[in-house]
Structures are given as C-alpha cells and as structure tokens.
Amino acid sequence: MLSQTSQYAIQAMIYLASRPGRMALNQEIAERLDLPGSALAKILMSLANARLIESFRGRLGGFCLRPEGLGTTLMDILRLTEGPRFAQRCLLGLEEFYGEAQCPLRLRWSNISGDFVELLEQTTLAQLARAMTRGEAGADGPRI
C-alpha cells in the first residue's frame, strides 16, 4: 500500500529519530539502511523542505531531526509522501481505471480504514525509534 518513497522516508526518519541531535550524511543513511543514495537524497530534501528534518550544507553538514521531530507521526510523513487522501484511496489502485465503486475491497476497507488512520496518527517517531533501538520489532512489528 505504501510507495517506495514513503517506505524510504519512514526508514530515514526512524534512523534520524534514533540519534536525536546528531547529524547524518545522506550516504551514511543510505548505507546503514541499504537504500539507493540518489533516491534518498531527493526524499531527504523533500522532508527538509516540509520542515520535518533540518538540512545543513558544508563540510560539517548533513541531516538531523528537528528538535520537535520526535513527536512527528507516521501520518505526518505519509501526508507528505502519499498525499492528504492516501488512506481513502483504493488499496488496489483500481479507482483510477474503474472508479471507487468498482473496487472489490472498498466496503471492507472502509470498515477498517479508521483504525488504520488512528494507528498512523498515534504512532510517533519516538515510539518507533525506541522500539527499533531496543530490538522490539519482531514478527508482529514494533511494540508501541
């Protein structure tokens, strides 16, 4: 359901949240997370332009989480990367071709999408970074 851009953005944000106040170069983040550096650079600049992270130029530059960034939610990131209505779109991408009424999952998705959106709005980078740092991400995902 999430685009590759969203996945990379979330991974980079969790990485930065796990090291608050510390700078990281694009190359460092890309290597650590095994992500393509060129794609990640564009995503990081988008996150910086949206003021979710800070970008510093120069020899000592890089990217870091803004001081208030630990309170950033998954929904904040996804609104930027997927657009404001992403949770309302057809999960299968069929609405573009057949219209919303034709999606075979529309009714079932509408029953659970509220819980999904609530989870995204309540899950912060601080919670995710803490869970990842403590190794609490198991088969069921991070315990938040």
Protein backbone atom coordinates (compact mmCIF):
# COMPACT_ATOMS: atom_id res chain seq x y z
CA MET A 1 0.00 0.00 0.00
CA LEU A 2 2.84 2.42 0.74
CA SER A 3 5.02 3.69 -2.07
CA GLN A 4 8.74 3.09 -2.05
CA THR A 5 9.19 6.81 -1.41
CA SER A 6 7.10 6.56 1.75
CA GLN A 7 8.97 3.50 2.93
CA TYR A 8 12.35 5.20 2.42
CA ALA A 9 11.14 8.39 4.12
CA ILE A 10 9.87 6.49 7.15
CA GLN A 11 13.06 4.44 7.43
CA ALA A 12 15.24 7.55 7.21
CA MET A 13 13.11 9.40 9.75
CA ILE A 14 13.29 6.49 12.20
CA TYR A 15 17.07 6.39 11.73
CA LEU A 16 17.36 10.12 12.46
CA ALA A 17 14.98 9.79 15.42
CA SER A 18 17.16 7.05 16.89
CA ARG A 19 20.01 9.59 17.08
CA PRO A 20 18.39 12.88 18.13
CA GLY A 21 20.59 15.94 17.80
CA ARG A 22 23.17 14.14 15.67
CA MET A 23 23.87 14.85 12.03
CA ALA A 24 23.94 12.17 9.37
CA LEU A 25 25.05 12.42 5.78
CA ASN A 26 22.83 11.09 3.01
CA GLN A 27 25.49 8.49 2.18
CA GLU A 28 25.62 7.29 5.80
CA ILE A 29 21.84 6.87 5.99
CA ALA A 30 21.73 5.14 2.60
CA GLU A 31 24.49 2.69 3.56
CA ARG A 32 23.10 1.99 7.01
CA LEU A 33 19.57 1.32 5.68
CA ASP A 34 20.70 -0.23 2.38
CA LEU A 35 18.79 2.34 0.33
CA PRO A 36 19.75 3.92 -3.01
CA GLY A 37 21.56 7.18 -2.23
CA SER A 38 20.23 9.20 -5.16
CA ALA A 39 16.59 8.42 -4.36
CA LEU A 40 17.17 9.01 -0.66
CA ALA A 41 18.77 12.42 -1.32
CA LYS A 42 15.61 13.64 -3.06
CA ILE A 43 13.42 12.29 -0.26
CA LEU A 44 15.55 13.91 2.44
CA MET A 45 15.34 17.25 0.65
CA SER A 46 11.54 16.92 0.48
CA LEU A 47 11.44 16.17 4.20
CA ALA A 48 13.67 19.19 4.86
CA ASN A 49 11.53 21.44 2.65
CA ALA A 50 8.47 20.28 4.62
CA ARG A 51 10.39 21.16 7.80
CA LEU A 52 10.23 17.62 9.20
CA ILE A 53 14.03 17.47 9.32
CA GLU A 54 16.84 20.01 9.11
CA SER A 55 19.41 20.15 6.34
CA PHE A 56 22.82 21.78 6.78
CA ARG A 57 25.28 22.42 3.98
CA GLY A 58 29.01 22.37 4.15
CA ARG A 59 31.79 20.21 5.49
CA LEU A 60 30.03 19.59 8.79
CA GLY A 61 26.58 19.46 7.22
CA GLY A 62 24.05 16.72 6.82
CA PHE A 63 20.57 15.97 8.04
CA CYS A 64 19.13 15.77 11.51
CA LEU A 65 15.73 15.55 13.11
CA ARG A 66 14.27 18.88 14.16
CA PRO A 67 14.13 19.30 17.96
CA GLU A 68 10.36 18.71 17.98
CA GLY A 69 10.70 15.90 15.43
CA LEU A 70 10.31 13.01 17.87
CA GLY A 71 6.62 13.88 18.02
CA THR A 72 6.25 13.52 14.24
CA THR A 73 3.68 10.84 13.45
CA LEU A 74 3.60 8.32 10.66
CA MET A 75 0.58 10.20 9.35
CA ASP A 76 2.63 13.43 9.13
CA ILE A 77 5.17 11.66 6.92
CA LEU A 78 2.56 9.88 4.81
CA ARG A 79 0.59 13.05 4.19
CA LEU A 80 3.75 14.47 2.65
CA THR A 81 4.83 11.42 0.65
CA GLU A 82 1.47 9.92 -0.34
CA GLY A 83 -0.78 12.98 -0.33
CA PRO A 84 -3.51 14.07 2.06
CA ARG A 85 -6.07 11.48 0.92
CA PHE A 86 -3.88 8.40 0.70
CA ALA A 87 -5.86 6.39 3.30
CA GLN A 88 -9.05 6.97 1.34
CA ARG A 89 -7.72 5.65 -1.96
CA CYS A 90 -8.42 2.22 -3.39
CA LEU A 91 -5.92 -0.27 -1.94
CA LEU A 92 -5.60 -1.98 -5.31
CA GLY A 93 -5.23 1.21 -7.33
CA LEU A 94 -8.34 0.41 -9.35
CA GLU A 95 -10.21 3.67 -8.70
CA GLU A 96 -8.14 5.38 -11.38
CA PHE A 97 -9.47 2.99 -14.03
CA TYR A 98 -12.89 1.91 -12.81
CA GLY A 99 -13.99 4.43 -10.21
CA GLU A 100 -14.21 4.00 -6.44
CA ALA A 101 -17.43 1.99 -6.54
CA GLN A 102 -15.73 -0.77 -8.55
CA CYS A 103 -13.01 -1.59 -6.01
CA PRO A 104 -13.78 -5.07 -4.68
CA LEU A 105 -12.25 -4.16 -1.28
CA ARG A 106 -13.96 -0.76 -0.90
CA LEU A 107 -16.57 -1.81 1.67
CA ARG A 108 -14.20 -3.91 3.77
CA TRP A 109 -11.51 -1.22 3.65
CA SER A 110 -13.95 1.48 4.73
CA ASN A 111 -14.75 -0.62 7.83
CA ILE A 112 -11.11 -0.80 8.97
CA SER A 113 -9.53 2.33 7.49
CA GLY A 114 -10.50 4.40 10.55
CA ASP A 115 -8.47 2.11 12.80
CA PHE A 116 -5.56 2.27 10.34
CA VAL A 117 -5.60 6.07 10.25
CA GLU A 118 -5.82 6.20 14.04
CA LEU A 119 -2.76 3.95 14.32
CA LEU A 120 -0.82 6.23 11.95
CA GLU A 121 -1.89 9.36 13.84
CA GLN A 122 -0.91 7.90 17.21
CA THR A 123 2.42 6.35 16.24
CA THR A 124 5.33 8.75 16.69
CA LEU A 125 8.92 8.59 15.58
CA ALA A 126 9.94 8.49 19.23
CA GLN A 127 7.96 5.28 19.74
CA LEU A 128 9.33 3.67 16.60
CA ALA A 129 12.92 4.68 17.27
CA ARG A 130 12.68 3.40 20.85
CA ALA A 131 11.23 0.07 19.68
CA MET A 132 13.88 -0.33 16.99
CA THR A 133 16.73 0.64 19.31
CA ARG A 134 15.59 -1.87 21.91
CA GLY A 135 15.17 -4.58 19.30
CA GLU A 136 11.45 -4.82 19.96
CA ALA A 137 10.50 -5.18 16.30
CA GLY A 138 9.55 -8.80 15.96
CA ALA A 139 7.26 -10.75 13.70
CA ASP A 140 4.37 -8.56 14.78
CA GLY A 141 6.28 -5.31 14.21
CA PRO A 142 7.40 -2.78 16.79
CA ARG A 143 5.69 -2.94 20.15
CA ILE A 144 4.44 0.60 20.56
